[in-house]
Amino acid sequence: MISKFLKTALIILVGFSLTSVAQAGNGPTVVELFTTQGCSACPAADRILTRIVSEKDPQLITLSCHVTYFDNTTWKDEFSKPFCDARQSEYFSSLDLPSLYTPQMIINGKFGLAGNKDSAVRAGIAMGQSLKAIQPIQLWVGEGVLNITLPALRLEKPADVWLFGYSREDSSIITAGENRGEVLQYANTVKSVTKLMAWQGQYLNMAYPLAEIQGDSWAVIAQYADYTDIVAAGKTEK
């Protein structure tokens, strides 16, 4: 939460008045997969995301967010998180999506598509890369903290800055439900989400304690508060 962040994080404002406008080109692309262990169509999407992650594109930020609404007495997804439900619901409203479903991918906060067709996913990523570029956020680890540098940007409206903690690799043996008997592999499974601040586009350095972030890897996404465009993003790993 913001209040906790302000108590524990070290914030250093740098007095630069630089502004910049994102141009189409070489910025990062953000791919969010909403998935679950309780959906028979999801393993295909999980495998697609795992292959994409294995290609190690430094400009691609991929996150796998497991929703809870498939959880039941037969099978509960061990990685499901209520914040994944909430994030997908916000996209449902802001992007006027036809429905909530899994597996669903959201590209750059701009559009959604089914996540279990490799060709469609690759085309969606290519489309995201062709649009107005997301600006890079610099992340690096030092002395028990995650250092974050936000660039100076001219924003249309305030943006929320989100910190994602995720696990690079996970696996599960599914013993019940639609995927019973499968051994499923996952990449970049989201374990925690923290809203750091509302951002006006100023150049900013901050540091956040790693002990307070679940997972072994981290991404920071700055997105308009109405869950539309992602304007800046970055990732780092151990």
Protein backbone atom coordinates (compact mmCIF):
# COMPACT_ATOMS: atom_id res chain seq x y z
CA MET A 1 0.00 0.00 0.00
CA ILE A 2 1.13 3.61 -0.48
CA SER A 3 1.25 4.37 3.24
CA LYS A 4 3.53 1.40 3.95
CA PHE A 5 5.73 2.31 1.05
CA LEU A 6 6.18 5.87 2.31
CA LYS A 7 7.23 4.55 5.72
CA THR A 8 9.75 2.00 4.46
CA ALA A 9 11.06 3.16 1.10
CA LEU A 10 13.80 5.70 0.59
CA ILE A 11 12.67 8.35 -1.84
CA ILE A 12 15.05 10.79 -3.50
CA LEU A 13 13.54 13.44 -5.70
CA VAL A 14 15.93 14.70 -8.33
CA GLY A 15 15.34 18.28 -9.40
CA PHE A 16 15.32 17.80 -13.12
CA SER A 17 12.67 19.50 -15.23
CA LEU A 18 13.22 17.29 -18.27
CA THR A 19 10.22 16.11 -20.24
CA SER A 20 9.94 13.65 -23.06
CA VAL A 21 7.27 12.25 -25.32
CA ALA A 22 7.25 8.51 -26.11
CA GLN A 23 7.83 7.66 -29.73
CA ALA A 24 7.12 4.42 -31.53
CA GLY A 25 10.20 2.23 -31.46
CA ASN A 26 12.29 0.24 -29.06
CA GLY A 27 10.51 0.55 -25.71
CA PRO A 28 9.48 -2.47 -23.63
CA THR A 29 6.32 -4.43 -24.36
CA VAL A 30 4.18 -5.69 -21.47
CA VAL A 31 2.31 -8.99 -21.77
CA GLU A 32 -0.03 -10.00 -18.94
CA LEU A 33 -1.55 -13.48 -18.97
CA PHE A 34 -4.58 -14.16 -16.79
CA THR A 35 -4.66 -17.90 -16.23
CA THR A 36 -5.68 -20.62 -13.78
CA GLN A 37 -4.99 -24.27 -13.04
CA GLY A 38 -8.74 -24.92 -13.15
CA CYS A 39 -9.26 -24.23 -16.86
CA SER A 40 -8.58 -26.88 -19.53
CA ALA A 41 -7.62 -24.22 -22.11
CA CYS A 42 -5.00 -22.62 -19.87
CA PRO A 43 -2.08 -25.11 -20.06
CA ALA A 44 -1.61 -24.23 -23.73
CA ALA A 45 -1.35 -20.54 -22.83
CA ASP A 46 1.03 -21.32 -19.96
CA ARG A 47 3.28 -23.21 -22.40
CA ILE A 48 3.20 -20.35 -24.89
CA LEU A 49 4.22 -17.86 -22.22
CA THR A 50 6.97 -20.19 -20.99
CA ARG A 51 8.39 -20.44 -24.53
CA ILE A 52 8.28 -16.68 -24.95
CA VAL A 53 10.08 -16.17 -21.63
CA SER A 54 12.72 -18.74 -22.63
CA GLU A 55 13.60 -16.57 -25.63
CA LYS A 56 14.97 -13.98 -23.20
CA ASP A 57 13.90 -10.86 -25.07
CA PRO A 58 15.14 -8.03 -22.81
CA GLN A 59 12.42 -5.72 -24.13
CA LEU A 60 9.57 -8.08 -23.27
CA ILE A 61 8.00 -7.95 -19.80
CA THR A 62 5.79 -11.00 -19.25
CA LEU A 63 3.65 -11.67 -16.18
CA SER A 64 1.40 -14.64 -15.42
CA CYS A 65 -1.41 -13.69 -13.03
CA HIS A 66 -3.51 -16.57 -11.65
CA VAL A 67 -7.15 -15.71 -10.93
CA THR A 68 -9.27 -17.21 -8.14
CA TYR A 69 -12.68 -17.49 -9.76
CA PHE A 70 -12.07 -21.05 -10.98
CA ASP A 71 -11.13 -22.21 -7.47
CA ASN A 72 -13.61 -24.66 -5.93
CA THR A 73 -13.82 -27.66 -3.64
CA THR A 74 -12.42 -29.90 -6.41
CA TRP A 75 -9.24 -27.93 -7.05
CA LYS A 76 -7.77 -24.65 -5.78
CA ASP A 77 -5.00 -23.02 -7.79
CA GLU A 78 -2.08 -22.65 -5.39
CA PHE A 79 -0.92 -19.51 -7.21
CA SER A 80 -4.29 -17.75 -7.45
CA LYS A 81 -4.46 -14.25 -5.99
CA PRO A 82 -7.43 -11.89 -5.50
CA PHE A 83 -5.38 -9.01 -6.91
CA CYS A 84 -5.26 -10.88 -10.24
CA ASP A 85 -9.06 -10.97 -10.27
CA ALA A 86 -9.16 -7.26 -9.47
CA ARG A 87 -6.65 -6.33 -12.17
CA GLN A 88 -8.44 -8.33 -14.85
CA SER A 89 -11.77 -6.82 -13.78
CA GLU A 90 -10.33 -3.31 -14.17
CA TYR A 91 -9.23 -4.20 -17.71
CA PHE A 92 -12.70 -5.59 -18.42
CA SER A 93 -14.14 -2.16 -17.61
CA SER A 94 -11.48 0.12 -19.08
CA LEU A 95 -11.03 -1.75 -22.37
CA ASP A 96 -14.71 -2.61 -22.74
CA LEU A 97 -13.85 -6.29 -23.16
CA PRO A 98 -16.68 -8.66 -24.13
CA SER A 99 -16.12 -10.90 -21.10
CA LEU A 100 -13.77 -12.08 -18.40
CA TYR A 101 -12.21 -15.41 -19.33
CA THR A 102 -9.08 -17.48 -19.11
CA PRO A 103 -6.62 -17.67 -20.68
CA GLN A 104 -6.66 -13.99 -21.54
CA MET A 105 -3.68 -11.82 -22.46
CA ILE A 106 -3.53 -8.05 -22.20
CA ILE A 107 -0.86 -6.28 -24.28
CA ASN A 108 0.53 -2.93 -23.07
CA GLY A 109 -2.73 -2.27 -21.24
CA LYS A 110 -4.29 -1.50 -24.64
CA PHE A 111 -6.05 -4.62 -25.92
CA GLY A 112 -6.87 -8.21 -25.01
CA LEU A 113 -6.76 -11.53 -26.84
CA ALA A 114 -7.09 -15.25 -26.21
CA GLY A 115 -3.84 -16.58 -24.79
CA ASN A 116 -3.86 -20.17 -26.03
CA LYS A 117 -3.12 -19.65 -29.73
CA ASP A 118 0.58 -19.13 -30.42
CA SER A 119 0.12 -17.32 -33.73
CA ALA A 120 -2.44 -14.91 -32.25
CA VAL A 121 -0.22 -14.21 -29.24
CA ARG A 122 2.82 -13.55 -31.43
CA ALA A 123 0.76 -11.25 -33.65
CA GLY A 124 -0.55 -9.41 -30.59
CA ILE A 125 2.96 -8.89 -29.25
CA ALA A 126 4.12 -7.62 -32.64
CA MET A 127 1.21 -5.19 -32.71
CA GLY A 128 2.10 -3.98 -29.23
CA GLN A 129 5.69 -3.41 -30.32
CA SER A 130 4.52 -1.34 -33.28
CA LEU A 131 2.51 1.10 -31.19
CA LYS A 132 3.65 4.21 -29.34
CA ALA A 133 6.61 3.08 -27.28
CA ILE A 134 6.49 2.45 -23.55
CA GLN A 135 9.39 4.24 -21.87
CA PRO A 136 11.91 2.18 -19.86
CA ILE A 137 12.04 2.18 -16.07
CA GLN A 138 15.49 1.32 -14.75
CA LEU A 139 15.68 -1.32 -11.97
CA TRP A 140 18.70 -2.67 -10.14
CA VAL A 141 19.35 -4.52 -6.89
CA GLY A 142 21.74 -3.36 -4.19
CA GLU A 143 22.16 -3.77 -0.42
CA GLY A 144 18.81 -5.40 0.16
CA VAL A 145 16.72 -2.95 -1.84
CA LEU A 146 15.26 -2.69 -5.31
CA ASN A 147 16.34 0.62 -6.82
CA ILE A 148 13.85 2.17 -9.22
CA THR A 149 14.38 5.13 -11.56
CA LEU A 150 11.34 6.62 -13.27
CA PRO A 151 12.06 8.72 -16.39
CA ALA A 152 10.74 12.24 -16.90
CA LEU A 153 7.61 12.02 -19.04
CA ARG A 154 4.89 14.38 -20.18
CA LEU A 155 1.79 12.48 -19.08
CA GLU A 156 -1.78 13.11 -20.18
CA LYS A 157 -3.01 12.33 -16.63
CA PRO A 158 -1.63 10.78 -13.41
CA ALA A 159 -0.28 7.25 -13.59
CA ASP A 160 -0.16 4.62 -10.87
CA VAL A 161 3.19 2.92 -10.31
CA TRP A 162 2.88 -0.82 -9.55
CA LEU A 163 5.60 -3.14 -8.24
CA PHE A 164 5.20 -6.82 -9.20
CA GLY A 165 7.09 -9.60 -7.47
CA TYR A 166 7.12 -12.83 -9.46
CA SER A 167 8.70 -16.26 -9.58
CA ARG A 168 10.65 -17.15 -12.70
CA GLU A 169 9.80 -20.86 -12.58
CA ASP A 170 7.07 -22.90 -10.90
CA SER A 171 5.54 -26.32 -11.45
CA SER A 172 2.51 -28.18 -10.16
CA ILE A 173 1.13 -31.71 -10.29
CA ILE A 174 -2.61 -31.35 -10.82
CA THR A 175 -4.55 -34.06 -8.99
CA ALA A 176 -8.14 -32.90 -9.57
CA GLY A 177 -10.29 -30.72 -11.78
CA GLU A 178 -10.18 -30.21 -15.56
CA ASN A 179 -6.39 -30.64 -15.76
CA ARG A 180 -6.16 -33.70 -13.53
CA GLY A 181 -3.05 -35.77 -14.19
CA GLU A 182 -1.05 -33.00 -15.84
CA VAL A 183 2.30 -31.69 -14.64
CA LEU A 184 2.22 -27.98 -15.46
CA GLN A 185 5.17 -25.62 -15.80
CA TYR A 186 4.81 -21.89 -15.25
CA ALA A 187 6.97 -18.87 -15.99
CA ASN A 188 6.90 -15.46 -14.29
CA THR A 189 4.08 -16.25 -11.88
CA VAL A 190 2.98 -13.11 -10.05
CA LYS A 191 3.26 -13.51 -6.26
CA SER A 192 2.68 -9.95 -5.06
CA VAL A 193 1.51 -6.57 -6.32
CA THR A 194 2.17 -3.29 -4.51
CA LYS A 195 0.95 0.15 -5.54
CA LEU A 196 3.92 2.43 -4.91
CA MET A 197 2.52 5.85 -5.74
CA ALA A 198 0.50 8.10 -7.99
CA TRP A 199 2.98 9.62 -10.44
CA GLN A 200 2.81 12.93 -12.29
CA GLY A 201 5.66 12.14 -14.69
CA GLN A 202 8.56 13.69 -12.78
CA TYR A 203 12.05 12.14 -12.82
CA LEU A 204 12.29 10.10 -9.64
CA ASN A 205 14.66 7.71 -7.86
CA MET A 206 13.40 5.45 -5.09
CA ALA A 207 14.37 2.26 -3.30
CA TYR A 208 12.09 -0.46 -1.96
CA PRO A 209 13.10 -3.19 0.56
CA LEU A 210 13.41 -6.56 -1.16
CA ALA A 211 12.36 -8.35 2.05
CA GLU A 212 8.86 -6.98 1.54
CA ILE A 213 8.46 -8.35 -2.02
CA GLN A 214 7.46 -11.95 -2.71
CA GLY A 215 9.12 -13.79 -5.58
CA ASP A 216 12.62 -13.87 -7.00
CA SER A 217 12.21 -11.30 -9.80
CA TRP A 218 10.61 -7.89 -10.13
CA ALA A 219 8.86 -5.60 -12.57
CA VAL A 220 7.58 -2.04 -12.24
CA ILE A 221 4.74 -0.78 -14.40
CA ALA A 222 3.49 2.81 -14.61
CA GLN A 223 -0.04 2.87 -15.96
CA TYR A 224 -2.76 5.48 -16.18
CA ALA A 225 -4.95 5.16 -13.12
CA ASP A 226 -8.02 4.33 -15.24
CA TYR A 227 -6.29 1.12 -16.41
CA THR A 228 -5.62 2.30 -19.91
CA ASP A 229 -2.16 2.87 -21.40
CA ILE A 230 1.00 1.59 -19.76
CA VAL A 231 3.40 4.53 -20.15
CA ALA A 232 6.61 3.14 -18.61
CA ALA A 233 7.85 -0.27 -17.48
CA GLY A 234 10.97 -2.17 -16.48
CA LYS A 235 12.12 -5.49 -15.05
CA THR A 236 15.07 -7.04 -13.34
CA GLU A 237 16.05 -10.48 -12.07
CA LYS A 238 18.53 -11.87 -9.59
